[in-house]
């Protein structure tokens, strides 16, 4: 597809130049998404720096619960790129659904210190959404690299597909990929948070069966635990 020139008529039919219409709106949406994600990054960095000891205890008792010493070593020696994804997944699940012994909800701690962290209202609302929208298992149905990707819930056969405008993530995925994602509704539409649990196709059917048996409270932990087992085995 030929790239639309900035001064060309906007393809939406508004009669305006592209740069004054859809291009401007796209850039505003990208800036808003970047600001929301920066808020998450600041919050995760703050909670990790201030509460490292109770976080370590949560990791041992909750995040890595039930994993053998061999599996834990497998996770520790995973490819650095996987370790980076692991750390994001860990901290996001902690903030969204975790409890720190002696301190309570990390999300509450973050919101109470929003001024110290430097979070605005939109960023706080986005962080609160982490606790409202659960992890789900999705299959990528379509992907337009550099523009968008479309997902459908693997456990809900009647669910409508959801298209997300995301120039970065759309370059990472391929049609048919199965991933655990947390989708949040924003003013611009649905948006995927930083968490990403890639599940190889050979393990999808078994995981779906297990997740069907999990209640809402255990769903995220079950998905995360199965993903950790795959990371530990370097699958």
C-alpha atoms as a PDB file:
ATOM      1  CA  UNK A   1       0.000   0.000   0.000  1.00  0.00           C
ATOM      2  CA  UNK A   2       1.401   3.408  -1.004  1.00  0.00           C
ATOM      3  CA  UNK A   3       2.159   5.762   1.863  1.00  0.00           C
ATOM      4  CA  UNK A   4      -0.254   8.675   2.143  1.00  0.00           C
ATOM      5  CA  UNK A   5       1.456  12.029   1.676  1.00  0.00           C
ATOM      6  CA  UNK A   6       1.002  14.581   4.455  1.00  0.00           C
ATOM      7  CA  UNK A   7      -0.586  17.186   2.177  1.00  0.00           C
ATOM      8  CA  UNK A   8      -2.803  14.737   0.308  1.00  0.00           C
ATOM      9  CA  UNK A   9      -6.583  14.691   0.919  1.00  0.00           C
ATOM     10  CA  UNK A  10      -7.368  12.526   3.925  1.00  0.00           C
ATOM     11  CA  UNK A  11      -8.689   9.104   2.826  1.00  0.00           C
ATOM     12  CA  UNK A  12     -11.467   9.319   5.444  1.00  0.00           C
ATOM     13  CA  UNK A  13     -13.342  11.727   3.155  1.00  0.00           C
ATOM     14  CA  UNK A  14     -13.390  14.689   5.534  1.00  0.00           C
ATOM     15  CA  UNK A  15     -12.092  17.060   2.883  1.00  0.00           C
ATOM     16  CA  UNK A  16      -9.134  18.027   5.073  1.00  0.00           C
ATOM     17  CA  UNK A  17      -5.489  17.373   4.378  1.00  0.00           C
ATOM     18  CA  UNK A  18      -4.212  14.105   5.822  1.00  0.00           C
ATOM     19  CA  UNK A  19      -1.795  15.928   8.168  1.00  0.00           C
ATOM     20  CA  UNK A  20      -4.687  17.959   9.625  1.00  0.00           C
ATOM     21  CA  UNK A  21      -7.037  15.004  10.012  1.00  0.00           C
ATOM     22  CA  UNK A  22      -6.296  11.308  10.527  1.00  0.00           C
ATOM     23  CA  UNK A  23      -2.507  11.716  10.745  1.00  0.00           C
ATOM     24  CA  UNK A  24      -2.951  14.261  13.517  1.00  0.00           C
ATOM     25  CA  UNK A  25      -5.389  12.005  15.330  1.00  0.00           C
ATOM     26  CA  UNK A  26      -3.075   9.005  14.991  1.00  0.00           C
ATOM     27  CA  UNK A  27      -0.178  10.971  16.467  1.00  0.00           C
ATOM     28  CA  UNK A  28      -2.324  12.183  19.350  1.00  0.00           C
ATOM     29  CA  UNK A  29      -3.366   8.591  20.057  1.00  0.00           C
ATOM     30  CA  UNK A  30       0.241   7.412  19.968  1.00  0.00           C
ATOM     31  CA  UNK A  31       1.263  10.187  22.373  1.00  0.00           C
ATOM     32  CA  UNK A  32      -1.567   9.270  24.757  1.00  0.00           C
ATOM     33  CA  UNK A  33      -0.624   5.590  24.693  1.00  0.00           C
ATOM     34  CA  UNK A  34       3.027   6.449  25.317  1.00  0.00           C
ATOM     35  CA  UNK A  35       2.082   8.603  28.299  1.00  0.00           C
ATOM     36  CA  UNK A  36      -0.033   5.823  29.813  1.00  0.00           C
ATOM     37  CA  UNK A  37       2.766   3.291  29.426  1.00  0.00           C
ATOM     38  CA  UNK A  38       5.289   5.698  30.909  1.00  0.00           C
ATOM     39  CA  UNK A  39       3.001   5.946  33.933  1.00  0.00           C
ATOM     40  CA  UNK A  40       3.017   2.177  34.307  1.00  0.00           C
ATOM     41  CA  UNK A  41       6.800   2.055  33.968  1.00  0.00           C
ATOM     42  CA  UNK A  42       7.264   4.758  36.619  1.00  0.00           C
ATOM     43  CA  UNK A  43       4.864   2.992  38.972  1.00  0.00           C
ATOM     44  CA  UNK A  44       6.542  -0.396  38.539  1.00  0.00           C
ATOM     45  CA  UNK A  45      10.005   1.100  39.047  1.00  0.00           C
ATOM     46  CA  UNK A  46       8.842   2.920  42.192  1.00  0.00           C
ATOM     47  CA  UNK A  47       7.165  -0.085  43.828  1.00  0.00           C
ATOM     48  CA  UNK A  48      10.144  -2.310  43.028  1.00  0.00           C
ATOM     49  CA  UNK A  49      12.623   0.177  44.524  1.00  0.00           C
ATOM     50  CA  UNK A  50      10.599   0.881  47.700  1.00  0.00           C
ATOM     51  CA  UNK A  51       9.328  -2.588  48.567  1.00  0.00           C
ATOM     52  CA  UNK A  52      11.989  -4.975  47.317  1.00  0.00           C
ATOM     53  CA  UNK A  53      11.977  -7.271  50.371  1.00  0.00           C
ATOM     54  CA  UNK A  54       8.193  -7.910  50.479  1.00  0.00           C
ATOM     55  CA  UNK A  55       8.188  -8.225  46.682  1.00  0.00           C
ATOM     56  CA  UNK A  56      10.888 -10.892  46.922  1.00  0.00           C
ATOM     57  CA  UNK A  57       8.691 -12.731  49.427  1.00  0.00           C
ATOM     58  CA  UNK A  58       5.680 -12.480  47.066  1.00  0.00           C
ATOM     59  CA  UNK A  59       7.759 -13.779  44.172  1.00  0.00           C
ATOM     60  CA  UNK A  60       8.856 -16.787  46.226  1.00  0.00           C
ATOM     61  CA  UNK A  61       5.459 -17.589  47.749  1.00  0.00           C
ATOM     62  CA  UNK A  62       3.097 -16.651  44.909  1.00  0.00           C
ATOM     63  CA  UNK A  63       4.800 -16.048  41.560  1.00  0.00           C
ATOM     64  CA  UNK A  64       7.072 -19.098  41.768  1.00  0.00           C
ATOM     65  CA  UNK A  65       4.761 -21.177  43.952  1.00  0.00           C
ATOM     66  CA  UNK A  66       4.911 -24.889  43.184  1.00  0.00           C
ATOM     67  CA  UNK A  67       7.979 -24.658  40.959  1.00  0.00           C
ATOM     68  CA  UNK A  68      10.962 -26.849  41.757  1.00  0.00           C
ATOM     69  CA  UNK A  69      14.483 -25.550  42.312  1.00  0.00           C
ATOM     70  CA  UNK A  70      15.392 -26.901  38.881  1.00  0.00           C
ATOM     71  CA  UNK A  71      12.530 -24.969  37.271  1.00  0.00           C
ATOM     72  CA  UNK A  72      13.506 -21.816  39.120  1.00  0.00           C
ATOM     73  CA  UNK A  73      17.050 -22.165  37.793  1.00  0.00           C
ATOM     74  CA  UNK A  74      15.607 -22.646  34.330  1.00  0.00           C
ATOM     75  CA  UNK A  75      13.747 -19.345  34.599  1.00  0.00           C
ATOM     76  CA  UNK A  76      16.848 -17.591  35.944  1.00  0.00           C
ATOM     77  CA  UNK A  77      18.921 -18.811  32.983  1.00  0.00           C
ATOM     78  CA  UNK A  78      16.363 -18.051  30.266  1.00  0.00           C
ATOM     79  CA  UNK A  79      17.282 -15.895  27.276  1.00  0.00           C
ATOM     80  CA  UNK A  80      17.676 -12.219  28.334  1.00  0.00           C
ATOM     81  CA  UNK A  81      14.786 -11.217  26.062  1.00  0.00           C
ATOM     82  CA  UNK A  82      12.527 -13.713  27.819  1.00  0.00           C
ATOM     83  CA  UNK A  83      13.804 -12.508  31.192  1.00  0.00           C
ATOM     84  CA  UNK A  84      12.811  -8.973  30.249  1.00  0.00           C
ATOM     85  CA  UNK A  85       9.280 -10.132  29.402  1.00  0.00           C
ATOM     86  CA  UNK A  86       9.268 -12.203  32.611  1.00  0.00           C
ATOM     87  CA  UNK A  87      10.059  -9.164  34.762  1.00  0.00           C
ATOM     88  CA  UNK A  88       7.319  -7.081  33.142  1.00  0.00           C
ATOM     89  CA  UNK A  89       4.776  -9.884  33.551  1.00  0.00           C
ATOM     90  CA  UNK A  90       5.773 -10.388  37.184  1.00  0.00           C
ATOM     91  CA  UNK A  91       5.512  -6.749  38.222  1.00  0.00           C
ATOM     92  CA  UNK A  92       2.283  -6.128  36.320  1.00  0.00           C
ATOM     93  CA  UNK A  93       0.564  -9.129  37.897  1.00  0.00           C
ATOM     94  CA  UNK A  94       1.839  -8.009  41.288  1.00  0.00           C
ATOM     95  CA  UNK A  95       0.374  -4.526  40.871  1.00  0.00           C
ATOM     96  CA  UNK A  96      -2.862  -5.698  39.258  1.00  0.00           C
ATOM     97  CA  UNK A  97      -3.742  -8.583  41.547  1.00  0.00           C
ATOM     98  CA  UNK A  98      -1.058  -9.051  44.204  1.00  0.00           C
ATOM     99  CA  UNK A  99      -0.844  -8.406  47.927  1.00  0.00           C
ATOM    100  CA  UNK A 100       2.373  -7.584  49.775  1.00  0.00           C
ATOM    101  CA  UNK A 101       2.578  -9.135  53.196  1.00  0.00           C
ATOM    102  CA  UNK A 102       2.307  -6.385  55.802  1.00  0.00           C
ATOM    103  CA  UNK A 103       1.568  -3.676  53.215  1.00  0.00           C
ATOM    104  CA  UNK A 104      -1.505  -4.770  51.272  1.00  0.00           C
ATOM    105  CA  UNK A 105      -2.229  -3.864  47.675  1.00  0.00           C
ATOM    106  CA  UNK A 106       0.720  -2.517  45.654  1.00  0.00           C
ATOM    107  CA  UNK A 107      -1.777  -0.621  43.509  1.00  0.00           C
ATOM    108  CA  UNK A 108      -3.133   1.170  46.575  1.00  0.00           C
ATOM    109  CA  UNK A 109       0.421   2.031  47.682  1.00  0.00           C
ATOM    110  CA  UNK A 110       1.155   3.477  44.239  1.00  0.00           C
ATOM    111  CA  UNK A 111      -2.016   5.559  44.049  1.00  0.00           C
ATOM    112  CA  UNK A 112      -1.473   6.923  47.556  1.00  0.00           C
ATOM    113  CA  UNK A 113       1.964   8.216  46.491  1.00  0.00           C
ATOM    114  CA  UNK A 114       0.981   9.356  43.017  1.00  0.00           C
ATOM    115  CA  UNK A 115       2.446  12.836  43.473  1.00  0.00           C
ATOM    116  CA  UNK A 116       5.806  11.465  44.621  1.00  0.00           C
ATOM    117  CA  UNK A 117       5.874   9.128  41.613  1.00  0.00           C
ATOM    118  CA  UNK A 118       4.683  11.862  39.257  1.00  0.00           C
ATOM    119  CA  UNK A 119       1.477  10.287  37.959  1.00  0.00           C
ATOM    120  CA  UNK A 120      -1.317  12.316  36.374  1.00  0.00           C
ATOM    121  CA  UNK A 121      -5.040  11.501  36.477  1.00  0.00           C
ATOM    122  CA  UNK A 122      -5.025   9.594  33.194  1.00  0.00           C
ATOM    123  CA  UNK A 123      -2.061   7.472  34.258  1.00  0.00           C
ATOM    124  CA  UNK A 124      -3.720   6.706  37.607  1.00  0.00           C
ATOM    125  CA  UNK A 125      -6.940   5.694  35.875  1.00  0.00           C
ATOM    126  CA  UNK A 126      -4.970   3.424  33.563  1.00  0.00           C
ATOM    127  CA  UNK A 127      -3.179   1.792  36.489  1.00  0.00           C
ATOM    128  CA  UNK A 128      -6.501   1.241  38.235  1.00  0.00           C
ATOM    129  CA  UNK A 129      -7.696  -0.495  35.082  1.00  0.00           C
ATOM    130  CA  UNK A 130      -5.024  -3.157  35.554  1.00  0.00           C
ATOM    131  CA  UNK A 131      -7.077  -4.473  38.473  1.00  0.00           C
ATOM    132  CA  UNK A 132     -10.391  -4.203  36.604  1.00  0.00           C
ATOM    133  CA  UNK A 133      -9.489  -6.009  33.379  1.00  0.00           C
ATOM    134  CA  UNK A 134      -8.130  -9.551  33.822  1.00  0.00           C
ATOM    135  CA  UNK A 135      -5.579 -11.498  31.857  1.00  0.00           C
ATOM    136  CA  UNK A 136      -7.167 -13.574  29.096  1.00  0.00           C
ATOM    137  CA  UNK A 137      -5.861 -15.989  26.474  1.00  0.00           C
ATOM    138  CA  UNK A 138      -6.104 -14.678  22.905  1.00  0.00           C
ATOM    139  CA  UNK A 139      -5.270 -15.884  19.417  1.00  0.00           C
ATOM    140  CA  UNK A 140      -3.982 -13.386  16.861  1.00  0.00           C
ATOM    141  CA  UNK A 141      -6.469 -13.483  13.964  1.00  0.00           C
ATOM    142  CA  UNK A 142      -4.907 -10.783  11.811  1.00  0.00           C
ATOM    143  CA  UNK A 143      -1.853  -8.595  11.910  1.00  0.00           C
ATOM    144  CA  UNK A 144      -0.890  -5.471   9.971  1.00  0.00           C
ATOM    145  CA  UNK A 145       2.761  -4.825  10.858  1.00  0.00           C
ATOM    146  CA  UNK A 146       3.347  -1.262  11.944  1.00  0.00           C
ATOM    147  CA  UNK A 147      -0.360  -0.581  12.333  1.00  0.00           C
ATOM    148  CA  UNK A 148      -2.629  -3.005  14.214  1.00  0.00           C
ATOM    149  CA  UNK A 149      -3.462  -6.555  15.230  1.00  0.00           C
ATOM    150  CA  UNK A 150      -6.726  -8.379  15.865  1.00  0.00           C
ATOM    151  CA  UNK A 151      -7.340 -10.920  18.632  1.00  0.00           C
ATOM    152  CA  UNK A 152     -10.119 -13.279  19.708  1.00  0.00           C
ATOM    153  CA  UNK A 153     -10.617 -14.845  23.141  1.00  0.00           C
ATOM    154  CA  UNK A 154      -9.578 -18.527  23.033  1.00  0.00           C
ATOM    155  CA  UNK A 155     -12.055 -19.539  25.744  1.00  0.00           C
ATOM    156  CA  UNK A 156     -15.111 -17.694  24.483  1.00  0.00           C
ATOM    157  CA  UNK A 157     -16.306 -18.998  21.134  1.00  0.00           C
ATOM    158  CA  UNK A 158     -18.913 -16.246  20.880  1.00  0.00           C
ATOM    159  CA  UNK A 159     -16.543 -13.382  21.633  1.00  0.00           C
ATOM    160  CA  UNK A 160     -16.187 -10.763  18.929  1.00  0.00           C
ATOM    161  CA  UNK A 161     -12.684 -10.090  17.598  1.00  0.00           C
ATOM    162  CA  UNK A 162     -10.949  -7.020  18.999  1.00  0.00           C
ATOM    163  CA  UNK A 163      -8.638  -4.869  16.892  1.00  0.00           C
ATOM    164  CA  UNK A 164      -5.899  -2.916  18.625  1.00  0.00           C
ATOM    165  CA  UNK A 165      -4.016  -0.050  17.017  1.00  0.00           C
ATOM    166  CA  UNK A 166      -0.425  -0.687  18.051  1.00  0.00           C
ATOM    167  CA  UNK A 167       2.450   0.013  15.683  1.00  0.00           C
ATOM    168  CA  UNK A 168       5.050  -1.632  17.931  1.00  0.00           C
ATOM    169  CA  UNK A 169       3.278  -4.814  19.059  1.00  0.00           C
ATOM    170  CA  UNK A 170       1.897  -5.450  15.577  1.00  0.00           C
ATOM    171  CA  UNK A 171       5.482  -6.014  14.401  1.00  0.00           C
ATOM    172  CA  UNK A 172       6.060  -8.653  17.091  1.00  0.00           C
ATOM    173  CA  UNK A 173       3.089 -10.912  16.399  1.00  0.00           C
ATOM    174  CA  UNK A 174       2.086 -13.227  13.597  1.00  0.00           C
ATOM    175  CA  UNK A 175      -1.334 -14.540  12.637  1.00  0.00           C
ATOM    176  CA  UNK A 176      -2.101 -17.634  14.700  1.00  0.00           C
ATOM    177  CA  UNK A 177       0.046 -16.702  17.713  1.00  0.00           C
ATOM    178  CA  UNK A 178      -1.557 -17.423  21.093  1.00  0.00           C
ATOM    179  CA  UNK A 179      -0.814 -15.101  23.979  1.00  0.00           C
ATOM    180  CA  UNK A 180      -1.992 -14.188  27.428  1.00  0.00           C
ATOM    181  CA  UNK A 181      -2.752 -10.439  27.338  1.00  0.00           C
ATOM    182  CA  UNK A 182      -4.459  -7.871  29.508  1.00  0.00           C
ATOM    183  CA  UNK A 183      -6.613  -5.557  27.392  1.00  0.00           C
ATOM    184  CA  UNK A 184      -7.760  -2.210  28.767  1.00  0.00           C
ATOM    185  CA  UNK A 185     -10.411   0.078  27.361  1.00  0.00           C
ATOM    186  CA  UNK A 186      -9.147   3.637  26.801  1.00  0.00           C
ATOM    187  CA  UNK A 187     -10.662   6.698  25.149  1.00  0.00           C
ATOM    188  CA  UNK A 188      -8.956   5.667  21.906  1.00  0.00           C
ATOM    189  CA  UNK A 189     -10.169   2.061  22.085  1.00  0.00           C
ATOM    190  CA  UNK A 190      -8.758  -1.222  23.364  1.00  0.00           C
ATOM    191  CA  UNK A 191      -5.104  -1.304  24.325  1.00  0.00           C
ATOM    192  CA  UNK A 192      -2.781  -4.114  25.416  1.00  0.00           C
ATOM    193  CA  UNK A 193      -0.742  -3.516  28.547  1.00  0.00           C
ATOM    194  CA  UNK A 194       2.881  -4.561  28.798  1.00  0.00           C
ATOM    195  CA  UNK A 195       2.228  -8.139  29.965  1.00  0.00           C
ATOM    196  CA  UNK A 196       2.672 -10.828  27.310  1.00  0.00           C
ATOM    197  CA  UNK A 197       2.538 -14.595  27.848  1.00  0.00           C
ATOM    198  CA  UNK A 198       3.351 -16.377  24.584  1.00  0.00           C
ATOM    199  CA  UNK A 199       2.076 -19.972  24.462  1.00  0.00           C
ATOM    200  CA  UNK A 200       3.439 -22.318  21.742  1.00  0.00           C
ATOM    201  CA  UNK A 201       0.675 -24.020  19.753  1.00  0.00           C
ATOM    202  CA  UNK A 202       1.584 -27.489  21.054  1.00  0.00           C
ATOM    203  CA  UNK A 203       0.588 -26.412  24.572  1.00  0.00           C
ATOM    204  CA  UNK A 204      -2.534 -24.372  23.797  1.00  0.00           C
ATOM    205  CA  UNK A 205      -5.226 -27.076  23.934  1.00  0.00           C
ATOM    206  CA  UNK A 206      -4.066 -28.360  27.321  1.00  0.00           C
ATOM    207  CA  UNK A 207      -3.860 -24.836  28.719  1.00  0.00           C
ATOM    208  CA  UNK A 208      -7.361 -23.996  27.499  1.00  0.00           C
ATOM    209  CA  UNK A 209      -8.714 -27.076  29.304  1.00  0.00           C
ATOM    210  CA  UNK A 210      -6.969 -26.064  32.520  1.00  0.00           C
ATOM    211  CA  UNK A 211      -8.143 -22.457  32.290  1.00  0.00           C
ATOM    212  CA  UNK A 212     -11.750 -23.530  31.774  1.00  0.00           C
ATOM    213  CA  UNK A 213     -11.603 -25.116  35.220  1.00  0.00           C
ATOM    214  CA  UNK A 214     -10.065 -22.059  36.887  1.00  0.00           C
ATOM    215  CA  UNK A 215     -12.313 -19.542  38.637  1.00  0.00           C
ATOM    216  CA  UNK A 216     -11.908 -15.808  38.029  1.00  0.00           C
ATOM    217  CA  UNK A 217      -9.604 -15.352  41.013  1.00  0.00           C
ATOM    218  CA  UNK A 218      -7.243 -18.134  39.948  1.00  0.00           C
ATOM    219  CA  UNK A 219      -7.317 -17.509  36.180  1.00  0.00           C
ATOM    220  CA  UNK A 220      -4.365 -15.115  35.954  1.00  0.00           C
ATOM    221  CA  UNK A 221      -2.198 -17.096  38.338  1.00  0.00           C
ATOM    222  CA  UNK A 222      -2.958 -20.322  36.459  1.00  0.00           C
ATOM    223  CA  UNK A 223      -2.044 -18.755  33.116  1.00  0.00           C
ATOM    224  CA  UNK A 224       1.125 -17.212  34.532  1.00  0.00           C
ATOM    225  CA  UNK A 225       2.153 -20.469  36.224  1.00  0.00           C
ATOM    226  CA  UNK A 226       1.784 -22.533  33.029  1.00  0.00           C
ATOM    227  CA  UNK A 227       3.787 -19.920  31.132  1.00  0.00           C
ATOM    228  CA  UNK A 228       6.521 -20.027  33.792  1.00  0.00           C
ATOM    229  CA  UNK A 229       6.752 -23.798  33.397  1.00  0.00           C
ATOM    230  CA  UNK A 230       7.407 -23.286  29.678  1.00  0.00           C
ATOM    231  CA  UNK A 231      10.006 -20.603  30.380  1.00  0.00           C
ATOM    232  CA  UNK A 232      11.704 -22.906  32.891  1.00  0.00           C
ATOM    233  CA  UNK A 233      11.924 -25.632  30.250  1.00  0.00           C
ATOM    234  CA  UNK A 234      13.221 -23.070  27.722  1.00  0.00           C
ATOM    235  CA  UNK A 235      10.351 -23.956  25.385  1.00  0.00           C
END
